[in-house]
Amino acid sequence: MDKLSLREAVKHFAVSRPTLSKALKSGKISGVQDGKGGWTIDPAELARVYPARLGDVVKLDNGLAGQLPSVNSHNSVKIDELVGIRAELAAALQRAAVAEALADEREKRIEDLRRMLPAPDTKPRRWWPW
């Protein structure tokens, strides 16, 4: 399988050259460094971490074009999670609105009951009963 240079990787994947260099040096992605300091990277390794540039498919000499995902699979999982989180948020907001309405209703009922209570005795109590 053909490997990509840093320049080709930056051209085909949504990543900058400094970011790619840092990822190679830190071990986030694997690559082979030649004696001159240049890197060669497996396209599958890049596709694992970085999405392909929009509208651009990696074109390799041996006909592997189209085998790499155009969208990072991690991003699609995150989008699905966000959709689920939005649904949970909508349900939570609905439950909160119902709870607020119930609290308002109970507050009105408590006020009605307070009005029904007899007025408190305003005469001060003496300390000794005699």
N, C-alpha and C. Protein backbone atom coordinates (compact mmCIF):
# COMPACT_ATOMS: atom_id res chain seq x y z
N MET A 1 0.84 -1.17 0.00
CA MET A 1 0.00 0.00 0.00
C MET A 1 0.90 1.24 0.00
N ASP A 2 0.51 2.23 -0.78
CA ASP A 2 1.28 3.46 -0.86
C ASP A 2 1.13 4.26 0.42
N LYS A 3 2.19 4.93 0.76
CA LYS A 3 2.17 5.79 1.94
C LYS A 3 2.22 7.23 1.47
N LEU A 4 1.72 8.11 2.32
CA LEU A 4 1.65 9.53 1.99
C LEU A 4 2.75 10.30 2.71
N SER A 5 3.26 11.32 2.03
CA SER A 5 4.19 12.23 2.70
C SER A 5 3.37 13.22 3.53
N LEU A 6 4.05 14.01 4.33
CA LEU A 6 3.35 15.01 5.13
C LEU A 6 2.59 15.98 4.24
N ARG A 7 3.20 16.39 3.16
CA ARG A 7 2.57 17.34 2.24
C ARG A 7 1.28 16.75 1.64
N GLU A 8 1.36 15.49 1.19
CA GLU A 8 0.18 14.84 0.62
C GLU A 8 -0.90 14.63 1.68
N ALA A 9 -0.49 14.28 2.89
CA ALA A 9 -1.44 14.05 3.97
C ALA A 9 -2.20 15.33 4.30
N VAL A 10 -1.50 16.45 4.35
CA VAL A 10 -2.15 17.74 4.63
C VAL A 10 -3.09 18.11 3.49
N LYS A 11 -2.72 17.74 2.26
CA LYS A 11 -3.54 18.05 1.10
C LYS A 11 -4.85 17.26 1.10
N HIS A 12 -4.80 16.00 1.54
CA HIS A 12 -5.97 15.13 1.44
C HIS A 12 -6.79 15.03 2.72
N PHE A 13 -6.23 15.36 3.86
CA PHE A 13 -6.95 15.23 5.12
C PHE A 13 -7.07 16.58 5.80
N ALA A 14 -8.11 16.74 6.61
CA ALA A 14 -8.40 18.01 7.28
C ALA A 14 -7.50 18.18 8.50
N VAL A 15 -6.23 18.45 8.25
CA VAL A 15 -5.25 18.63 9.32
C VAL A 15 -4.15 19.55 8.81
N SER A 16 -3.58 20.33 9.71
CA SER A 16 -2.49 21.21 9.31
C SER A 16 -1.15 20.50 9.49
N ARG A 17 -0.14 21.02 8.84
CA ARG A 17 1.18 20.39 8.91
C ARG A 17 1.75 20.38 10.34
N PRO A 18 1.67 21.51 11.09
CA PRO A 18 2.19 21.47 12.47
C PRO A 18 1.44 20.47 13.36
N THR A 19 0.12 20.39 13.18
CA THR A 19 -0.66 19.45 13.97
C THR A 19 -0.27 18.02 13.65
N LEU A 20 -0.07 17.75 12.37
CA LEU A 20 0.33 16.42 11.94
C LEU A 20 1.72 16.07 12.47
N SER A 21 2.62 17.03 12.44
CA SER A 21 3.97 16.80 12.97
C SER A 21 3.93 16.50 14.46
N LYS A 22 3.14 17.27 15.20
CA LYS A 22 3.01 17.02 16.64
C LYS A 22 2.41 15.65 16.92
N ALA A 23 1.41 15.26 16.12
CA ALA A 23 0.78 13.95 16.32
C ALA A 23 1.76 12.83 16.05
N LEU A 24 2.60 12.98 15.05
CA LEU A 24 3.60 11.96 14.75
C LEU A 24 4.64 11.87 15.87
N LYS A 25 5.10 13.02 16.35
CA LYS A 25 6.12 13.02 17.40
C LYS A 25 5.59 12.52 18.73
N SER A 26 4.31 12.78 19.01
CA SER A 26 3.73 12.34 20.29
C SER A 26 3.26 10.89 20.24
N GLY A 27 3.13 10.33 19.03
CA GLY A 27 2.69 8.95 18.91
C GLY A 27 1.19 8.79 18.74
N LYS A 28 0.48 9.89 18.54
CA LYS A 28 -0.96 9.81 18.33
C LYS A 28 -1.27 9.04 17.05
N ILE A 29 -0.46 9.26 16.03
CA ILE A 29 -0.54 8.47 14.81
C ILE A 29 0.84 7.90 14.52
N SER A 30 0.89 6.80 13.80
CA SER A 30 2.19 6.18 13.52
C SER A 30 2.62 6.52 12.10
N GLY A 31 3.91 6.62 11.93
CA GLY A 31 4.49 6.91 10.64
C GLY A 31 5.94 6.48 10.66
N VAL A 32 6.56 6.48 9.49
CA VAL A 32 7.95 6.07 9.36
C VAL A 32 8.76 7.30 8.96
N GLN A 33 9.85 7.53 9.70
CA GLN A 33 10.70 8.68 9.41
C GLN A 33 11.92 8.18 8.64
N ASP A 34 12.20 8.83 7.51
CA ASP A 34 13.38 8.43 6.74
C ASP A 34 14.62 9.13 7.30
N GLY A 35 15.74 8.87 6.73
CA GLY A 35 17.00 9.42 7.24
C GLY A 35 17.10 10.93 7.11
N LYS A 36 16.34 11.53 6.25
CA LYS A 36 16.39 12.98 6.03
C LYS A 36 15.45 13.75 6.94
N GLY A 37 14.66 13.06 7.74
CA GLY A 37 13.72 13.73 8.63
C GLY A 37 12.31 13.82 8.06
N GLY A 38 12.08 13.27 6.88
CA GLY A 38 10.75 13.28 6.28
C GLY A 38 9.92 12.11 6.81
N TRP A 39 8.63 12.27 6.80
CA TRP A 39 7.73 11.24 7.30
C TRP A 39 6.92 10.64 6.17
N THR A 40 6.62 9.35 6.28
CA THR A 40 5.64 8.70 5.42
C THR A 40 4.60 8.06 6.32
N ILE A 41 3.34 8.25 5.94
CA ILE A 41 2.24 7.85 6.81
C ILE A 41 1.26 7.00 6.01
N ASP A 42 0.77 5.95 6.64
CA ASP A 42 -0.23 5.09 6.03
C ASP A 42 -1.56 5.86 5.97
N PRO A 43 -2.22 5.89 4.82
CA PRO A 43 -3.49 6.62 4.72
C PRO A 43 -4.56 6.10 5.67
N ALA A 44 -4.55 4.81 5.94
CA ALA A 44 -5.53 4.25 6.88
C ALA A 44 -5.31 4.80 8.27
N GLU A 45 -4.07 5.04 8.63
CA GLU A 45 -3.75 5.62 9.94
C GLU A 45 -4.27 7.05 10.02
N LEU A 46 -4.13 7.79 8.95
CA LEU A 46 -4.65 9.16 8.92
C LEU A 46 -6.17 9.16 8.97
N ALA A 47 -6.80 8.24 8.25
CA ALA A 47 -8.26 8.18 8.22
C ALA A 47 -8.81 7.78 9.59
N ARG A 48 -8.03 7.08 10.37
CA ARG A 48 -8.46 6.68 11.71
C ARG A 48 -8.60 7.90 12.62
N VAL A 49 -7.77 8.90 12.42
CA VAL A 49 -7.73 10.05 13.32
C VAL A 49 -8.35 11.31 12.72
N TYR A 50 -8.11 11.55 11.44
CA TYR A 50 -8.55 12.80 10.82
C TYR A 50 -9.53 12.53 9.69
N PRO A 51 -10.55 13.39 9.52
CA PRO A 51 -11.48 13.21 8.40
C PRO A 51 -10.83 13.68 7.10
N ALA A 52 -11.29 13.11 5.99
CA ALA A 52 -10.81 13.55 4.68
C ALA A 52 -11.39 14.94 4.41
N ARG A 53 -10.69 15.70 3.60
CA ARG A 53 -11.21 17.02 3.23
C ARG A 53 -12.48 16.84 2.43
N LEU A 54 -13.43 17.73 2.63
CA LEU A 54 -14.71 17.63 1.93
C LEU A 54 -14.51 17.74 0.43
N GLY A 55 -15.19 16.87 -0.30
CA GLY A 55 -15.10 16.89 -1.75
C GLY A 55 -13.80 16.35 -2.29
N ASP A 56 -12.99 15.76 -1.43
CA ASP A 56 -11.69 15.27 -1.86
C ASP A 56 -11.56 13.82 -1.42
N VAL A 57 -11.27 12.95 -2.35
CA VAL A 57 -11.03 11.55 -2.04
C VAL A 57 -9.55 11.30 -2.22
N VAL A 58 -8.96 10.57 -1.32
CA VAL A 58 -7.54 10.29 -1.41
C VAL A 58 -7.31 9.43 -2.65
N LYS A 59 -6.45 9.89 -3.55
CA LYS A 59 -6.16 9.17 -4.78
C LYS A 59 -4.77 8.56 -4.65
N LEU A 60 -4.73 7.26 -4.67
CA LEU A 60 -3.47 6.56 -4.57
C LEU A 60 -3.19 5.86 -5.90
N ASP A 61 -1.92 5.60 -6.16
CA ASP A 61 -1.52 5.02 -7.44
C ASP A 61 -2.03 3.59 -7.64
N ASN A 62 -2.19 2.82 -6.59
CA ASN A 62 -2.56 1.42 -6.75
C ASN A 62 -4.06 1.20 -6.71
N GLY A 63 -4.88 2.21 -6.88
CA GLY A 63 -6.32 2.03 -7.00
C GLY A 63 -7.06 1.90 -5.69
N LEU A 64 -6.56 2.44 -4.62
CA LEU A 64 -7.23 2.35 -3.33
C LEU A 64 -8.16 3.54 -3.10
N ALA A 65 -8.39 4.32 -4.12
CA ALA A 65 -9.26 5.49 -3.97
C ALA A 65 -10.66 5.05 -3.58
N GLY A 66 -11.25 5.77 -2.68
CA GLY A 66 -12.60 5.47 -2.26
C GLY A 66 -12.69 4.49 -1.11
N GLN A 67 -11.61 3.83 -0.74
CA GLN A 67 -11.66 2.89 0.37
C GLN A 67 -11.58 3.58 1.72
N LEU A 68 -11.07 4.79 1.71
CA LEU A 68 -10.96 5.53 2.95
C LEU A 68 -12.27 6.28 3.19
N PRO A 69 -12.70 6.36 4.44
CA PRO A 69 -13.96 7.07 4.70
C PRO A 69 -13.80 8.56 4.44
N SER A 70 -14.85 9.17 3.90
CA SER A 70 -14.80 10.60 3.66
C SER A 70 -15.18 11.37 4.91
N VAL A 71 -15.82 10.70 5.86
CA VAL A 71 -16.20 11.31 7.12
C VAL A 71 -15.64 10.42 8.23
N ASN A 72 -15.03 11.04 9.20
CA ASN A 72 -14.47 10.29 10.31
C ASN A 72 -15.59 9.56 11.04
N SER A 73 -15.42 8.28 11.27
CA SER A 73 -16.47 7.49 11.92
C SER A 73 -16.72 7.97 13.34
N HIS A 74 -15.70 8.52 13.98
CA HIS A 74 -15.89 9.04 15.33
C HIS A 74 -16.87 10.22 15.32
N ASN A 75 -16.80 11.04 14.26
CA ASN A 75 -17.70 12.18 14.17
C ASN A 75 -19.14 11.74 14.01
N SER A 76 -19.38 10.68 13.22
CA SER A 76 -20.76 10.22 13.04
C SER A 76 -21.31 9.65 14.34
N VAL A 77 -20.45 9.00 15.13
CA VAL A 77 -20.89 8.50 16.44
C VAL A 77 -21.22 9.67 17.35
N LYS A 78 -20.40 10.70 17.32
CA LYS A 78 -20.66 11.87 18.16
C LYS A 78 -21.95 12.58 17.74
N ILE A 79 -22.22 12.61 16.45
CA ILE A 79 -23.45 13.24 15.97
C ILE A 79 -24.65 12.45 16.48
N ASP A 80 -24.57 11.11 16.42
CA ASP A 80 -25.65 10.28 16.94
C ASP A 80 -25.84 10.51 18.43
N GLU A 81 -24.74 10.64 19.16
CA GLU A 81 -24.83 10.92 20.59
C GLU A 81 -25.49 12.27 20.84
N LEU A 82 -25.14 13.27 20.02
CA LEU A 82 -25.72 14.60 20.18
C LEU A 82 -27.22 14.58 19.92
N VAL A 83 -27.65 13.79 18.94
CA VAL A 83 -29.08 13.69 18.66
C VAL A 83 -29.78 13.08 19.86
N GLY A 84 -29.18 12.04 20.45
CA GLY A 84 -29.75 11.42 21.64
C GLY A 84 -29.79 12.38 22.82
N ILE A 85 -28.73 13.16 22.97
CA ILE A 85 -28.66 14.12 24.07
C ILE A 85 -29.72 15.21 23.88
N ARG A 86 -29.92 15.64 22.63
CA ARG A 86 -30.96 16.65 22.37
C ARG A 86 -32.33 16.12 22.71
N ALA A 87 -32.59 14.85 22.40
CA ALA A 87 -33.88 14.25 22.72
C ALA A 87 -34.07 14.18 24.23
N GLU A 88 -33.01 13.79 24.94
CA GLU A 88 -33.07 13.75 26.41
C GLU A 88 -33.29 15.14 26.98
N LEU A 89 -32.65 16.15 26.40
CA LEU A 89 -32.81 17.53 26.86
C LEU A 89 -34.25 17.99 26.66
N ALA A 90 -34.84 17.68 25.51
CA ALA A 90 -36.23 18.07 25.26
C ALA A 90 -37.17 17.41 26.26
N ALA A 91 -36.93 16.13 26.56
CA ALA A 91 -37.76 15.43 27.54
C ALA A 91 -37.58 16.04 28.93
N ALA A 92 -36.35 16.38 29.28
CA ALA A 92 -36.09 16.98 30.59
C ALA A 92 -36.75 18.35 30.70
N LEU A 93 -36.71 19.13 29.64
CA LEU A 93 -37.36 20.45 29.65
C LEU A 93 -38.88 20.30 29.80
N GLN A 94 -39.44 19.30 29.16
CA GLN A 94 -40.88 19.07 29.29
C GLN A 94 -41.22 18.66 30.72
N ARG A 95 -40.40 17.77 31.32
CA ARG A 95 -40.65 17.38 32.71
C ARG A 95 -40.50 18.57 33.65
N ALA A 96 -39.55 19.45 33.37
CA ALA A 96 -39.36 20.64 34.20
C ALA A 96 -40.57 21.57 34.10
N ALA A 97 -41.12 21.73 32.91
CA ALA A 97 -42.30 22.58 32.75
C ALA A 97 -43.49 22.00 33.50
N VAL A 98 -43.66 20.69 33.45
CA VAL A 98 -44.75 20.04 34.17
C VAL A 98 -44.55 20.21 35.68
N ALA A 99 -43.31 20.06 36.14
CA ALA A 99 -43.02 20.22 37.57
C ALA A 99 -43.28 21.65 38.04
N GLU A 100 -42.94 22.64 37.22
CA GLU A 100 -43.19 24.03 37.58
C GLU A 100 -44.70 24.30 37.66
N ALA A 101 -45.46 23.76 36.72
CA ALA A 101 -46.91 23.95 36.75
C ALA A 101 -47.50 23.30 37.99
N LEU A 102 -47.02 22.13 38.36
CA LEU A 102 -47.49 21.45 39.55
C LEU A 102 -47.13 22.24 40.81
N ALA A 103 -45.93 22.81 40.84
CA ALA A 103 -45.50 23.61 41.99
C ALA A 103 -46.38 24.86 42.12
N ASP A 104 -46.70 25.51 41.01
CA ASP A 104 -47.58 26.68 41.05
C ASP A 104 -48.97 26.31 41.57
N GLU A 105 -49.49 25.19 41.10
CA GLU A 105 -50.80 24.74 41.55
C GLU A 105 -50.81 24.45 43.06
N ARG A 106 -49.75 23.81 43.52
CA ARG A 106 -49.66 23.50 44.96
C ARG A 106 -49.50 24.77 45.79
N GLU A 107 -48.76 25.73 45.27
CA GLU A 107 -48.59 27.00 45.98
C GLU A 107 -49.93 27.72 46.13
N LYS A 108 -50.74 27.70 45.08
CA LYS A 108 -52.07 28.32 45.17
C LYS A 108 -52.94 27.60 46.19
N ARG A 109 -52.85 26.29 46.22
CA ARG A 109 -53.64 25.50 47.17
C ARG A 109 -53.21 25.80 48.60
N ILE A 110 -51.91 25.93 48.83
CA ILE A 110 -51.41 26.25 50.16
C ILE A 110 -51.89 27.62 50.60
N GLU A 111 -51.91 28.60 49.69
CA GLU A 111 -52.40 29.93 50.02
C GLU A 111 -53.88 29.89 50.39
N ASP A 112 -54.66 29.11 49.66
CA ASP A 112 -56.08 28.95 49.98
C ASP A 112 -56.26 28.36 51.38
N LEU A 113 -55.46 27.37 51.71
CA LEU A 113 -55.55 26.74 53.03
C LEU A 113 -55.13 27.70 54.13
N ARG A 114 -54.14 28.54 53.87
CA ARG A 114 -53.71 29.52 54.87
C ARG A 114 -54.81 30.54 55.15
N ARG A 115 -55.56 30.91 54.14
CA ARG A 115 -56.65 31.85 54.33
C ARG A 115 -57.76 31.23 55.18
N MET A 116 -57.94 29.93 55.12
CA MET A 116 -58.97 29.24 55.89
C MET A 116 -58.61 29.07 57.36
N LEU A 117 -57.35 29.20 57.67
CA LEU A 117 -56.93 29.04 59.07
C LEU A 117 -57.44 30.20 59.91
N PRO A 118 -57.70 29.95 61.19
CA PRO A 118 -58.13 31.06 62.05
C PRO A 118 -56.97 32.03 62.26
N ALA A 119 -57.36 33.25 62.57
CA ALA A 119 -56.36 34.28 62.80
C ALA A 119 -55.58 33.95 64.08
N PRO A 120 -54.32 34.22 64.10
CA PRO A 120 -53.54 33.92 65.31
C PRO A 120 -53.95 34.83 66.46
N ASP A 121 -53.79 34.33 67.68
CA ASP A 121 -54.13 35.09 68.87
C ASP A 121 -53.10 36.20 69.04
N THR A 122 -53.57 37.44 69.08
CA THR A 122 -52.65 38.58 69.17
C THR A 122 -52.36 38.98 70.60
N LYS A 123 -53.13 38.44 71.57
CA LYS A 123 -52.90 38.76 72.97
C LYS A 123 -51.61 38.09 73.42
N PRO A 124 -50.69 38.85 74.04
CA PRO A 124 -49.44 38.24 74.46
C PRO A 124 -49.67 37.25 75.60
N ARG A 125 -48.97 36.17 75.57
CA ARG A 125 -49.06 35.17 76.64
C ARG A 125 -48.23 35.61 77.80
N ARG A 126 -48.73 35.30 78.94
CA ARG A 126 -47.96 35.60 80.13
C ARG A 126 -47.09 34.41 80.45
N TRP A 127 -46.06 34.70 81.15
CA TRP A 127 -45.12 33.64 81.50
C TRP A 127 -45.73 32.71 82.52
N TRP A 128 -46.36 33.27 83.54
CA TRP A 128 -46.98 32.44 84.58
C TRP A 128 -48.47 32.38 84.35
N PRO A 129 -49.01 31.17 84.44
CA PRO A 129 -50.43 31.04 84.13
C PRO A 129 -51.33 31.64 85.19
N TRP A 130 -50.93 32.05 86.39
CA TRP A 130 -51.82 32.62 87.41
C TRP A 130 -51.64 34.07 87.64
